[in-house]
Amino acid sequence: MNGLRLPIRSLYAVAIFFVGLLLIAVYYVAVCPPILQVIAAMQANFGDNKYLNPLFTAFRYVTQLSG
């Protein structure tokens, strides 16, 4: 009884899981900061608009939660 022998499909599943985690981390590190900078610039330009400011705040929270 060797408990270390896993089917090759299990190893593929583990590898795909870690590749998915890596892609999520790359997205959060590389893509989210520029999006947040654009949202902050839009909030600075349209901060006095009572309709757009909450919309940009919601976009900021959604972007932060997407990673």
C-alpha atoms as a PDB file:
ATOM      1  CA  MET A   1       0.000   0.000   0.000  1.00  0.00           C
ATOM      2  CA  ASN A   2       1.814   3.021  -1.261  1.00  0.00           C
ATOM      3  CA  GLY A   3      -0.177   6.164  -0.485  1.00  0.00           C
ATOM      4  CA  LEU A   4       1.990   8.395  -2.650  1.00  0.00           C
ATOM      5  CA  ARG A   5       0.909   6.896  -5.978  1.00  0.00           C
ATOM      6  CA  LEU A   6      -1.682   9.201  -7.491  1.00  0.00           C
ATOM      7  CA  PRO A   7      -3.381   8.777 -10.836  1.00  0.00           C
ATOM      8  CA  ILE A   8      -2.001  11.066 -13.505  1.00  0.00           C
ATOM      9  CA  ARG A   9      -5.393  12.785 -13.774  1.00  0.00           C
ATOM     10  CA  SER A  10      -5.093  13.903 -10.158  1.00  0.00           C
ATOM     11  CA  LEU A  11      -1.700  15.431 -10.859  1.00  0.00           C
ATOM     12  CA  TYR A  12      -3.129  17.252 -13.873  1.00  0.00           C
ATOM     13  CA  ALA A  13      -5.982  18.562 -11.738  1.00  0.00           C
ATOM     14  CA  VAL A  14      -3.563  19.866  -9.116  1.00  0.00           C
ATOM     15  CA  ALA A  15      -1.411  21.497 -11.810  1.00  0.00           C
ATOM     16  CA  ILE A  16      -4.431  23.164 -13.423  1.00  0.00           C
ATOM     17  CA  PHE A  17      -5.552  24.435 -10.017  1.00  0.00           C
ATOM     18  CA  PHE A  18      -2.181  26.062  -9.342  1.00  0.00           C
ATOM     19  CA  VAL A  19      -2.019  27.539 -12.855  1.00  0.00           C
ATOM     20  CA  GLY A  20      -5.437  29.069 -12.213  1.00  0.00           C
ATOM     21  CA  LEU A  21      -4.202  30.564  -8.949  1.00  0.00           C
ATOM     22  CA  LEU A  22      -1.176  31.977 -10.763  1.00  0.00           C
ATOM     23  CA  LEU A  23      -3.368  33.588 -13.426  1.00  0.00           C
ATOM     24  CA  ILE A  24      -5.591  35.168 -10.780  1.00  0.00           C
ATOM     25  CA  ALA A  25      -2.522  36.541  -8.975  1.00  0.00           C
ATOM     26  CA  VAL A  26      -1.085  37.961 -12.207  1.00  0.00           C
ATOM     27  CA  TYR A  27      -4.431  39.594 -12.997  1.00  0.00           C
ATOM     28  CA  TYR A  28      -4.641  41.127  -9.529  1.00  0.00           C
ATOM     29  CA  VAL A  29      -1.059  42.423  -9.604  1.00  0.00           C
ATOM     30  CA  ALA A  30      -0.804  43.521 -13.249  1.00  0.00           C
ATOM     31  CA  VAL A  31      -4.302  44.527 -14.360  1.00  0.00           C
ATOM     32  CA  CYS A  32      -6.098  45.865 -11.284  1.00  0.00           C
ATOM     33  CA  PRO A  33      -3.773  48.800 -10.407  1.00  0.00           C
ATOM     34  CA  PRO A  34      -4.116  50.513 -13.826  1.00  0.00           C
ATOM     35  CA  ILE A  35      -7.886  50.042 -13.718  1.00  0.00           C
ATOM     36  CA  LEU A  36      -7.987  51.536 -10.227  1.00  0.00           C
ATOM     37  CA  GLN A  37      -5.869  54.495 -11.411  1.00  0.00           C
ATOM     38  CA  VAL A  38      -8.320  55.171 -14.237  1.00  0.00           C
ATOM     39  CA  ILE A  39     -11.242  54.986 -11.816  1.00  0.00           C
ATOM     40  CA  ALA A  40      -9.472  57.361  -9.392  1.00  0.00           C
ATOM     41  CA  ALA A  41      -8.805  59.822 -12.232  1.00  0.00           C
ATOM     42  CA  MET A  42     -12.448  59.691 -13.288  1.00  0.00           C
ATOM     43  CA  GLN A  43     -13.530  60.280  -9.690  1.00  0.00           C
ATOM     44  CA  ALA A  44     -11.189  63.273  -9.483  1.00  0.00           C
ATOM     45  CA  ASN A  45     -12.667  64.728 -12.680  1.00  0.00           C
ATOM     46  CA  PHE A  46     -16.307  64.007 -11.908  1.00  0.00           C
ATOM     47  CA  GLY A  47     -16.235  64.054  -8.097  1.00  0.00           C
ATOM     48  CA  ASP A  48     -18.947  66.677  -7.820  1.00  0.00           C
ATOM     49  CA  ASN A  49     -21.432  64.745  -9.962  1.00  0.00           C
ATOM     50  CA  LYS A  50     -23.888  63.050  -7.626  1.00  0.00           C
ATOM     51  CA  TYR A  51     -24.638  60.292 -10.156  1.00  0.00           C
ATOM     52  CA  LEU A  52     -21.190  59.411 -11.464  1.00  0.00           C
ATOM     53  CA  ASN A  53     -19.284  59.467  -8.173  1.00  0.00           C
ATOM     54  CA  PRO A  54     -21.239  56.531  -6.632  1.00  0.00           C
ATOM     55  CA  LEU A  55     -20.942  54.680  -9.935  1.00  0.00           C
ATOM     56  CA  PHE A  56     -17.148  55.026  -9.932  1.00  0.00           C
ATOM     57  CA  THR A  57     -17.062  54.009  -6.268  1.00  0.00           C
ATOM     58  CA  ALA A  58     -19.005  50.866  -7.144  1.00  0.00           C
ATOM     59  CA  PHE A  59     -16.617  50.164 -10.042  1.00  0.00           C
ATOM     60  CA  ARG A  60     -13.669  50.541  -7.661  1.00  0.00           C
ATOM     61  CA  TYR A  61     -15.136  48.048  -5.184  1.00  0.00           C
ATOM     62  CA  VAL A  62     -16.023  45.567  -7.928  1.00  0.00           C
ATOM     63  CA  THR A  63     -12.490  45.787  -9.338  1.00  0.00           C
ATOM     64  CA  GLN A  64     -10.964  45.222  -5.908  1.00  0.00           C
ATOM     65  CA  LEU A  65     -13.229  42.256  -5.236  1.00  0.00           C
ATOM     66  CA  SER A  66     -12.627  40.683  -8.645  1.00  0.00           C
ATOM     67  CA  GLY A  67      -9.103  39.623  -7.700  1.00  0.00           C
END
